[in-house]
């Protein structure tokens, strides 16, 4: 973890992410998150236990699963005893337990970074001194897609 001076203080760290090579998905190898805000009385911007737990739960839910974009106009998904996916003239069939349909238009690193960011904001009650959250997903070293949001106090 590094503390970088700037707007308040900025904490930056990484967390292992999905490592599988699933169909219809970018394959991030690490998740980087950054928290910007003012130091609290305890000398920290925030306690990262809840943030790490939420990220770990997301990784466990998504890792080694076929991730499908639920809002894509070009990916047609039918669910029943199997999950049938049509992309153009191609057809794919998966067992339902192997699939997660995500509320994104594309399962790109950019789409996934935005999804992870929104879920973190929904799941964690950030203290008022936290001003911004950023999430980056590495497709590979040097190729990171970022999503960020300023938080309202």
N, C-alpha and C. Protein backbone atom coordinates (compact mmCIF):
# COMPACT_ATOMS: atom_id res chain seq x y z
N UNK A 1 0.86 -1.16 0.00
CA UNK A 1 0.00 0.00 0.00
C UNK A 1 0.90 1.23 0.00
N UNK A 2 0.55 2.21 -0.82
CA UNK A 2 1.32 3.44 -0.89
C UNK A 2 0.42 4.62 -0.57
N UNK A 3 0.94 5.60 0.13
CA UNK A 3 0.22 6.83 0.39
C UNK A 3 0.82 7.89 -0.53
N UNK A 4 -0.04 8.48 -1.36
CA UNK A 4 0.42 9.45 -2.34
C UNK A 4 -0.19 10.80 -1.99
N UNK A 5 0.60 11.82 -1.71
CA UNK A 5 0.03 13.12 -1.37
C UNK A 5 -0.73 13.69 -2.57
N UNK A 6 -1.71 14.50 -2.30
CA UNK A 6 -2.50 15.13 -3.35
C UNK A 6 -3.76 15.66 -2.75
N UNK A 7 -4.87 15.38 -3.36
CA UNK A 7 -6.17 15.80 -2.85
C UNK A 7 -6.44 15.00 -1.60
N UNK A 8 -6.21 15.62 -0.44
CA UNK A 8 -6.26 14.84 0.80
C UNK A 8 -5.11 13.84 0.73
N UNK A 9 -5.43 12.60 0.85
CA UNK A 9 -4.45 11.53 0.68
C UNK A 9 -5.05 10.49 -0.23
N UNK A 10 -4.22 9.69 -0.84
CA UNK A 10 -4.69 8.68 -1.78
C UNK A 10 -4.05 7.36 -1.41
N UNK A 11 -4.87 6.35 -1.21
CA UNK A 11 -4.36 5.02 -0.91
C UNK A 11 -4.55 4.15 -2.13
N UNK A 12 -3.52 3.43 -2.51
CA UNK A 12 -3.55 2.62 -3.71
C UNK A 12 -3.06 1.23 -3.37
N UNK A 13 -3.80 0.22 -3.78
CA UNK A 13 -3.37 -1.16 -3.55
C UNK A 13 -3.99 -2.04 -4.62
N UNK A 14 -3.57 -3.28 -4.70
CA UNK A 14 -4.12 -4.19 -5.71
C UNK A 14 -4.62 -5.45 -5.04
N UNK A 15 -5.42 -6.19 -5.79
CA UNK A 15 -6.07 -7.39 -5.28
C UNK A 15 -6.14 -8.38 -6.44
N UNK A 16 -5.82 -9.67 -6.25
CA UNK A 16 -5.94 -10.62 -7.35
C UNK A 16 -7.38 -10.66 -7.86
N UNK A 17 -7.52 -10.76 -9.17
CA UNK A 17 -8.87 -10.79 -9.75
C UNK A 17 -9.05 -12.06 -10.56
N UNK A 18 -10.01 -12.03 -11.47
CA UNK A 18 -10.30 -13.20 -12.28
C UNK A 18 -9.09 -13.60 -13.10
N UNK A 19 -8.89 -14.90 -13.23
CA UNK A 19 -7.73 -15.37 -13.99
C UNK A 19 -8.13 -16.36 -15.07
N UNK A 20 -9.42 -16.60 -15.23
CA UNK A 20 -9.85 -17.59 -16.22
C UNK A 20 -9.98 -16.96 -17.60
N UNK A 21 -9.90 -17.78 -18.62
CA UNK A 21 -10.08 -17.32 -19.99
C UNK A 21 -11.45 -17.77 -20.46
N UNK A 22 -12.47 -17.02 -20.08
CA UNK A 22 -13.84 -17.40 -20.37
C UNK A 22 -14.33 -16.78 -21.67
N UNK A 23 -15.31 -17.43 -22.29
CA UNK A 23 -15.91 -16.93 -23.52
C UNK A 23 -16.60 -15.61 -23.25
N UNK A 24 -16.63 -14.75 -24.25
CA UNK A 24 -17.36 -13.48 -24.20
C UNK A 24 -16.87 -12.57 -23.09
N UNK A 25 -15.60 -12.59 -22.78
CA UNK A 25 -15.14 -11.80 -21.66
C UNK A 25 -13.68 -11.41 -21.80
N UNK A 26 -13.37 -10.20 -21.38
CA UNK A 26 -11.97 -9.84 -21.18
C UNK A 26 -11.51 -10.58 -19.93
N UNK A 27 -10.22 -10.81 -19.78
CA UNK A 27 -9.75 -11.60 -18.65
C UNK A 27 -8.82 -10.78 -17.77
N UNK A 28 -9.38 -9.96 -16.89
CA UNK A 28 -8.52 -9.17 -16.00
C UNK A 28 -7.67 -10.07 -15.12
N UNK A 29 -6.45 -9.64 -14.83
CA UNK A 29 -5.58 -10.42 -13.97
C UNK A 29 -5.41 -9.80 -12.60
N UNK A 30 -5.72 -8.52 -12.44
CA UNK A 30 -5.69 -7.92 -11.12
C UNK A 30 -6.63 -6.74 -11.06
N UNK A 31 -7.09 -6.46 -9.86
CA UNK A 31 -7.98 -5.34 -9.61
C UNK A 31 -7.22 -4.36 -8.74
N UNK A 32 -7.13 -3.11 -9.17
CA UNK A 32 -6.44 -2.07 -8.42
C UNK A 32 -7.51 -1.10 -7.95
N UNK A 33 -7.49 -0.75 -6.69
CA UNK A 33 -8.45 0.24 -6.21
C UNK A 33 -7.72 1.35 -5.50
N UNK A 34 -8.31 2.51 -5.60
CA UNK A 34 -7.71 3.70 -5.05
C UNK A 34 -8.79 4.48 -4.31
N UNK A 35 -8.44 4.96 -3.17
CA UNK A 35 -9.36 5.70 -2.32
C UNK A 35 -8.72 7.06 -2.02
N UNK A 36 -9.44 8.14 -2.35
CA UNK A 36 -8.93 9.48 -2.11
C UNK A 36 -9.78 10.16 -1.05
N UNK A 37 -9.14 10.79 -0.09
CA UNK A 37 -9.89 11.48 0.96
C UNK A 37 -8.98 12.11 1.99
N UNK A 38 -9.59 12.54 3.08
CA UNK A 38 -8.86 13.18 4.17
C UNK A 38 -8.56 12.15 5.25
N UNK A 39 -7.42 12.30 5.87
CA UNK A 39 -7.06 11.42 6.97
C UNK A 39 -8.03 11.63 8.13
N UNK A 40 -8.49 10.51 8.70
CA UNK A 40 -9.35 10.60 9.88
C UNK A 40 -8.53 10.74 11.14
N UNK A 41 -9.21 10.82 12.27
CA UNK A 41 -8.53 10.94 13.56
C UNK A 41 -7.65 9.73 13.85
N UNK A 42 -7.97 8.58 13.23
CA UNK A 42 -7.19 7.36 13.45
C UNK A 42 -5.98 7.28 12.53
N UNK A 43 -5.73 8.33 11.72
CA UNK A 43 -4.57 8.36 10.84
C UNK A 43 -4.77 7.63 9.52
N UNK A 44 -5.99 7.20 9.24
CA UNK A 44 -6.28 6.47 8.00
C UNK A 44 -7.41 7.18 7.25
N UNK A 45 -7.46 6.95 5.95
CA UNK A 45 -8.61 7.41 5.17
C UNK A 45 -9.79 6.50 5.46
N UNK A 46 -9.55 5.20 5.47
CA UNK A 46 -10.58 4.23 5.83
C UNK A 46 -9.93 2.91 6.19
N UNK A 47 -10.67 2.06 6.85
CA UNK A 47 -10.23 0.71 7.16
C UNK A 47 -10.62 -0.14 5.95
N UNK A 48 -9.66 -0.80 5.35
CA UNK A 48 -9.91 -1.51 4.11
C UNK A 48 -10.46 -2.92 4.29
N UNK A 49 -10.77 -3.33 5.50
CA UNK A 49 -11.29 -4.68 5.73
C UNK A 49 -12.58 -4.91 4.93
N UNK A 50 -13.54 -3.97 5.02
CA UNK A 50 -14.80 -4.14 4.29
C UNK A 50 -14.59 -4.12 2.79
N UNK A 51 -13.71 -3.24 2.32
CA UNK A 51 -13.43 -3.14 0.89
C UNK A 51 -12.80 -4.42 0.36
N UNK A 52 -11.83 -4.95 1.08
CA UNK A 52 -11.20 -6.20 0.67
C UNK A 52 -12.19 -7.36 0.68
N UNK A 53 -13.06 -7.40 1.70
CA UNK A 53 -14.06 -8.47 1.78
C UNK A 53 -15.02 -8.39 0.58
N UNK A 54 -15.48 -7.19 0.24
CA UNK A 54 -16.40 -7.03 -0.89
C UNK A 54 -15.73 -7.43 -2.21
N UNK A 55 -14.48 -7.03 -2.40
CA UNK A 55 -13.75 -7.42 -3.61
C UNK A 55 -13.54 -8.93 -3.67
N UNK A 56 -13.20 -9.51 -2.55
CA UNK A 56 -12.99 -10.97 -2.51
C UNK A 56 -14.28 -11.71 -2.85
N UNK A 57 -15.42 -11.25 -2.32
CA UNK A 57 -16.71 -11.88 -2.64
C UNK A 57 -17.04 -11.76 -4.13
N UNK A 58 -16.75 -10.60 -4.73
CA UNK A 58 -16.99 -10.43 -6.16
C UNK A 58 -16.12 -11.36 -6.99
N UNK A 59 -14.85 -11.45 -6.61
CA UNK A 59 -13.93 -12.33 -7.34
C UNK A 59 -14.41 -13.78 -7.25
N UNK A 60 -14.81 -14.21 -6.04
CA UNK A 60 -15.28 -15.58 -5.88
C UNK A 60 -16.54 -15.85 -6.71
N UNK A 61 -17.41 -14.86 -6.81
CA UNK A 61 -18.64 -15.01 -7.60
C UNK A 61 -18.35 -15.11 -9.10
N UNK A 62 -17.35 -14.38 -9.59
CA UNK A 62 -17.11 -14.27 -11.03
C UNK A 62 -15.99 -15.18 -11.55
N UNK A 63 -15.06 -15.57 -10.69
CA UNK A 63 -13.89 -16.33 -11.14
C UNK A 63 -14.30 -17.70 -11.67
N UNK A 64 -13.69 -18.09 -12.77
CA UNK A 64 -13.92 -19.39 -13.41
C UNK A 64 -15.36 -19.58 -13.84
N UNK A 65 -16.01 -18.51 -14.23
CA UNK A 65 -17.37 -18.55 -14.73
C UNK A 65 -17.38 -17.89 -16.11
N UNK A 66 -18.33 -18.23 -16.93
CA UNK A 66 -18.52 -17.57 -18.21
C UNK A 66 -19.32 -16.30 -17.91
N UNK A 67 -18.75 -15.15 -18.21
CA UNK A 67 -19.39 -13.87 -17.94
C UNK A 67 -20.02 -13.36 -19.22
N UNK A 68 -21.32 -13.09 -19.16
CA UNK A 68 -22.05 -12.66 -20.35
C UNK A 68 -22.62 -11.26 -20.15
N UNK A 69 -22.59 -10.45 -21.22
CA UNK A 69 -23.14 -9.09 -21.12
C UNK A 69 -24.66 -9.11 -21.30
N UNK A 70 -25.39 -8.88 -20.23
CA UNK A 70 -26.85 -8.96 -20.26
C UNK A 70 -27.52 -7.85 -21.04
N UNK A 71 -26.83 -6.73 -21.31
CA UNK A 71 -27.43 -5.60 -22.03
C UNK A 71 -26.86 -5.43 -23.44
N UNK A 72 -26.20 -6.44 -23.96
CA UNK A 72 -25.61 -6.32 -25.30
C UNK A 72 -26.67 -6.53 -26.37
N UNK A 73 -26.75 -5.61 -27.34
CA UNK A 73 -27.70 -5.81 -28.44
C UNK A 73 -27.28 -6.93 -29.39
N UNK A 74 -26.00 -7.31 -29.37
CA UNK A 74 -25.53 -8.33 -30.31
C UNK A 74 -25.37 -9.72 -29.69
N UNK A 75 -25.52 -9.83 -28.37
CA UNK A 75 -25.41 -11.12 -27.69
C UNK A 75 -26.81 -11.50 -27.20
N UNK A 76 -27.38 -12.54 -27.79
CA UNK A 76 -28.73 -13.00 -27.43
C UNK A 76 -28.59 -14.16 -26.45
N UNK A 77 -29.25 -14.03 -25.29
CA UNK A 77 -29.13 -15.02 -24.22
C UNK A 77 -30.50 -15.58 -23.91
N UNK A 78 -30.62 -16.91 -23.92
CA UNK A 78 -31.85 -17.59 -23.52
C UNK A 78 -31.52 -18.53 -22.38
N UNK A 79 -32.32 -18.44 -21.30
CA UNK A 79 -32.08 -19.25 -20.11
C UNK A 79 -33.19 -20.28 -19.94
N UNK A 80 -32.80 -21.47 -19.59
CA UNK A 80 -33.71 -22.56 -19.30
C UNK A 80 -32.92 -23.60 -18.55
N UNK A 81 -33.02 -24.86 -18.97
CA UNK A 81 -32.20 -25.91 -18.40
C UNK A 81 -30.74 -25.70 -18.73
N UNK A 82 -30.50 -24.94 -19.80
CA UNK A 82 -29.15 -24.55 -20.23
C UNK A 82 -29.19 -23.06 -20.55
N UNK A 83 -28.02 -22.47 -20.66
CA UNK A 83 -27.94 -21.09 -21.10
C UNK A 83 -27.44 -21.13 -22.54
N UNK A 84 -28.28 -20.66 -23.44
CA UNK A 84 -27.93 -20.63 -24.86
C UNK A 84 -27.58 -19.20 -25.24
N UNK A 85 -26.44 -19.06 -25.89
CA UNK A 85 -25.95 -17.74 -26.28
C UNK A 85 -25.74 -17.73 -27.79
N UNK A 86 -26.27 -16.69 -28.43
CA UNK A 86 -26.08 -16.52 -29.88
C UNK A 86 -25.39 -15.18 -30.12
N UNK A 87 -24.30 -15.26 -30.86
CA UNK A 87 -23.56 -14.08 -31.27
C UNK A 87 -23.36 -14.21 -32.78
N UNK A 88 -24.10 -13.41 -33.55
CA UNK A 88 -24.05 -13.55 -35.00
C UNK A 88 -24.55 -14.92 -35.38
N UNK A 89 -23.77 -15.65 -36.17
CA UNK A 89 -24.17 -16.98 -36.61
C UNK A 89 -23.68 -18.09 -35.67
N UNK A 90 -22.99 -17.72 -34.61
CA UNK A 90 -22.45 -18.72 -33.66
C UNK A 90 -23.42 -18.95 -32.51
N UNK A 91 -23.41 -20.20 -32.02
CA UNK A 91 -24.28 -20.60 -30.90
C UNK A 91 -23.43 -21.31 -29.86
N UNK A 92 -23.62 -20.91 -28.59
CA UNK A 92 -22.89 -21.51 -27.47
C UNK A 92 -23.91 -21.98 -26.44
N UNK A 93 -23.64 -23.11 -25.78
CA UNK A 93 -24.53 -23.64 -24.76
C UNK A 93 -23.70 -23.94 -23.52
N UNK A 94 -24.20 -23.45 -22.36
CA UNK A 94 -23.48 -23.61 -21.10
C UNK A 94 -24.42 -24.12 -20.02
N UNK A 95 -23.91 -24.87 -19.05
CA UNK A 95 -24.72 -25.21 -17.87
C UNK A 95 -24.96 -23.92 -17.07
N UNK A 96 -26.16 -23.73 -16.52
CA UNK A 96 -26.47 -22.48 -15.80
C UNK A 96 -25.51 -22.16 -14.65
N UNK A 97 -25.00 -23.17 -13.97
CA UNK A 97 -24.11 -22.92 -12.83
C UNK A 97 -22.74 -22.39 -13.25
N UNK A 98 -22.44 -22.45 -14.54
CA UNK A 98 -21.16 -21.96 -15.05
C UNK A 98 -21.24 -20.53 -15.58
N UNK A 99 -22.42 -19.91 -15.52
CA UNK A 99 -22.65 -18.62 -16.18
C UNK A 99 -23.07 -17.55 -15.18
N UNK A 100 -22.57 -16.34 -15.40
CA UNK A 100 -23.06 -15.16 -14.70
C UNK A 100 -23.42 -14.14 -15.78
N UNK A 101 -24.68 -13.70 -15.75
CA UNK A 101 -25.13 -12.68 -16.70
C UNK A 101 -25.04 -11.34 -15.98
N UNK A 102 -24.22 -10.46 -16.53
CA UNK A 102 -23.93 -9.18 -15.89
C UNK A 102 -24.74 -8.04 -16.48
N UNK A 103 -24.99 -7.03 -15.69
CA UNK A 103 -25.73 -5.86 -16.12
C UNK A 103 -24.78 -4.87 -16.81
N UNK A 104 -24.19 -5.32 -17.92
CA UNK A 104 -23.29 -4.51 -18.72
C UNK A 104 -23.58 -4.74 -20.19
N UNK A 105 -23.19 -3.78 -21.03
CA UNK A 105 -23.35 -3.93 -22.48
C UNK A 105 -22.21 -4.74 -23.08
N UNK A 106 -21.03 -4.68 -22.44
CA UNK A 106 -19.87 -5.44 -22.90
C UNK A 106 -19.09 -5.94 -21.70
N UNK A 107 -18.55 -7.13 -21.81
CA UNK A 107 -17.70 -7.67 -20.74
C UNK A 107 -16.25 -7.32 -21.02
N UNK A 108 -16.03 -6.06 -21.33
CA UNK A 108 -14.67 -5.56 -21.54
C UNK A 108 -14.09 -5.18 -20.17
N UNK A 109 -12.81 -4.92 -20.13
CA UNK A 109 -12.20 -4.47 -18.88
C UNK A 109 -12.85 -3.17 -18.43
N UNK A 110 -13.20 -2.29 -19.37
CA UNK A 110 -13.84 -1.03 -19.03
C UNK A 110 -15.22 -1.27 -18.41
N UNK A 111 -16.01 -2.14 -19.02
CA UNK A 111 -17.33 -2.47 -18.49
C UNK A 111 -17.24 -3.13 -17.13
N UNK A 112 -16.29 -4.01 -16.97
CA UNK A 112 -16.12 -4.72 -15.70
C UNK A 112 -15.63 -3.78 -14.60
N UNK A 113 -14.73 -2.84 -14.93
CA UNK A 113 -14.26 -1.87 -13.93
C UNK A 113 -15.43 -1.03 -13.44
N UNK A 114 -16.29 -0.60 -14.35
CA UNK A 114 -17.48 0.17 -13.96
C UNK A 114 -18.42 -0.64 -13.09
N UNK A 115 -18.60 -1.91 -13.43
CA UNK A 115 -19.48 -2.79 -12.65
C UNK A 115 -18.93 -2.99 -11.24
N UNK A 116 -17.65 -3.27 -11.12
CA UNK A 116 -17.02 -3.46 -9.81
C UNK A 116 -17.14 -2.17 -8.98
N UNK A 117 -16.90 -1.03 -9.60
CA UNK A 117 -17.01 0.24 -8.90
C UNK A 117 -18.43 0.45 -8.36
N UNK A 118 -19.44 0.25 -9.19
CA UNK A 118 -20.82 0.45 -8.75
C UNK A 118 -21.20 -0.51 -7.62
N UNK A 119 -20.74 -1.76 -7.72
CA UNK A 119 -21.06 -2.71 -6.66
C UNK A 119 -20.37 -2.34 -5.35
N UNK A 120 -19.13 -1.87 -5.42
CA UNK A 120 -18.44 -1.43 -4.20
C UNK A 120 -19.19 -0.27 -3.54
N UNK A 121 -19.62 0.68 -4.34
CA UNK A 121 -20.33 1.85 -3.80
C UNK A 121 -21.66 1.42 -3.19
N UNK A 122 -22.33 0.44 -3.81
CA UNK A 122 -23.61 -0.06 -3.28
C UNK A 122 -23.42 -0.87 -1.99
N UNK A 123 -22.32 -1.61 -1.89
CA UNK A 123 -22.14 -2.55 -0.78
C UNK A 123 -21.44 -1.96 0.44
N UNK A 124 -20.69 -0.89 0.26
CA UNK A 124 -19.87 -0.37 1.35
C UNK A 124 -20.38 1.01 1.76
N UNK A 125 -20.49 1.23 3.05
CA UNK A 125 -20.85 2.55 3.55
C UNK A 125 -19.55 3.30 3.81
N UNK A 126 -19.16 4.13 2.84
CA UNK A 126 -17.92 4.89 2.96
C UNK A 126 -18.12 6.04 3.95
N UNK A 127 -17.09 6.31 4.74
CA UNK A 127 -17.15 7.41 5.69
C UNK A 127 -17.10 8.74 4.93
N UNK A 128 -17.59 9.83 5.53
CA UNK A 128 -17.66 11.11 4.83
C UNK A 128 -16.31 11.67 4.39
N UNK A 129 -15.22 11.23 5.01
CA UNK A 129 -13.92 11.75 4.61
C UNK A 129 -13.37 11.10 3.35
N UNK A 130 -14.06 10.07 2.81
CA UNK A 130 -13.66 9.45 1.55
C UNK A 130 -14.31 10.24 0.43
N UNK A 131 -13.50 10.81 -0.45
CA UNK A 131 -14.01 11.69 -1.51
C UNK A 131 -14.15 11.02 -2.86
N UNK A 132 -13.30 10.04 -3.15
CA UNK A 132 -13.33 9.41 -4.46
C UNK A 132 -12.89 7.96 -4.36
N UNK A 133 -13.52 7.11 -5.16
CA UNK A 133 -13.13 5.71 -5.29
C UNK A 133 -12.80 5.47 -6.76
N UNK A 134 -11.70 4.77 -7.01
CA UNK A 134 -11.31 4.40 -8.37
C UNK A 134 -11.04 2.90 -8.40
N UNK A 135 -11.42 2.27 -9.49
CA UNK A 135 -11.16 0.84 -9.68
C UNK A 135 -10.50 0.67 -11.04
N UNK A 136 -9.42 -0.09 -11.06
CA UNK A 136 -8.74 -0.42 -12.31
C UNK A 136 -8.64 -1.92 -12.47
N UNK A 137 -8.90 -2.41 -13.67
CA UNK A 137 -8.73 -3.84 -13.96
C UNK A 137 -7.65 -3.99 -15.01
N UNK A 138 -6.63 -4.76 -14.68
CA UNK A 138 -5.53 -5.04 -15.62
C UNK A 138 -5.91 -6.19 -16.52
N UNK A 139 -5.85 -5.96 -17.82
CA UNK A 139 -5.96 -7.08 -18.75
C UNK A 139 -4.61 -7.78 -18.80
N UNK A 140 -3.58 -6.99 -18.76
CA UNK A 140 -2.21 -7.47 -18.58
C UNK A 140 -1.40 -6.26 -18.16
N UNK A 141 -0.19 -6.49 -17.75
CA UNK A 141 0.64 -5.40 -17.22
C UNK A 141 0.69 -4.24 -18.21
N UNK A 142 0.35 -3.05 -17.71
CA UNK A 142 0.40 -1.87 -18.56
C UNK A 142 -0.88 -1.58 -19.33
N UNK A 143 -1.87 -2.45 -19.24
CA UNK A 143 -3.14 -2.25 -19.94
C UNK A 143 -4.26 -2.31 -18.91
N UNK A 144 -4.55 -1.15 -18.32
CA UNK A 144 -5.53 -1.08 -17.24
C UNK A 144 -6.70 -0.20 -17.66
N UNK A 145 -7.90 -0.68 -17.41
CA UNK A 145 -9.11 0.11 -17.62
C UNK A 145 -9.57 0.64 -16.27
N UNK A 146 -9.90 1.94 -16.20
CA UNK A 146 -10.26 2.59 -14.94
C UNK A 146 -11.69 3.09 -14.95
N UNK A 147 -12.32 3.05 -13.79
CA UNK A 147 -13.62 3.68 -13.55
C UNK A 147 -13.50 4.40 -12.22
N UNK A 148 -14.08 5.59 -12.11
CA UNK A 148 -13.99 6.34 -10.86
C UNK A 148 -15.29 7.08 -10.59
N UNK A 149 -15.47 7.41 -9.33
CA UNK A 149 -16.66 8.19 -8.95
C UNK A 149 -16.33 9.01 -7.73
N UNK A 150 -16.69 10.31 -7.79
CA UNK A 150 -16.59 11.15 -6.62
C UNK A 150 -17.79 10.84 -5.74
N UNK A 151 -17.56 10.75 -4.44
CA UNK A 151 -18.62 10.43 -3.49
C UNK A 151 -19.14 11.71 -2.87
N UNK A 152 -20.44 11.79 -2.68
CA UNK A 152 -21.07 12.93 -2.03
C UNK A 152 -21.07 12.72 -0.53
N UNK A 153 -20.66 13.73 0.24
CA UNK A 153 -20.66 13.58 1.71
C UNK A 153 -22.08 13.55 2.27
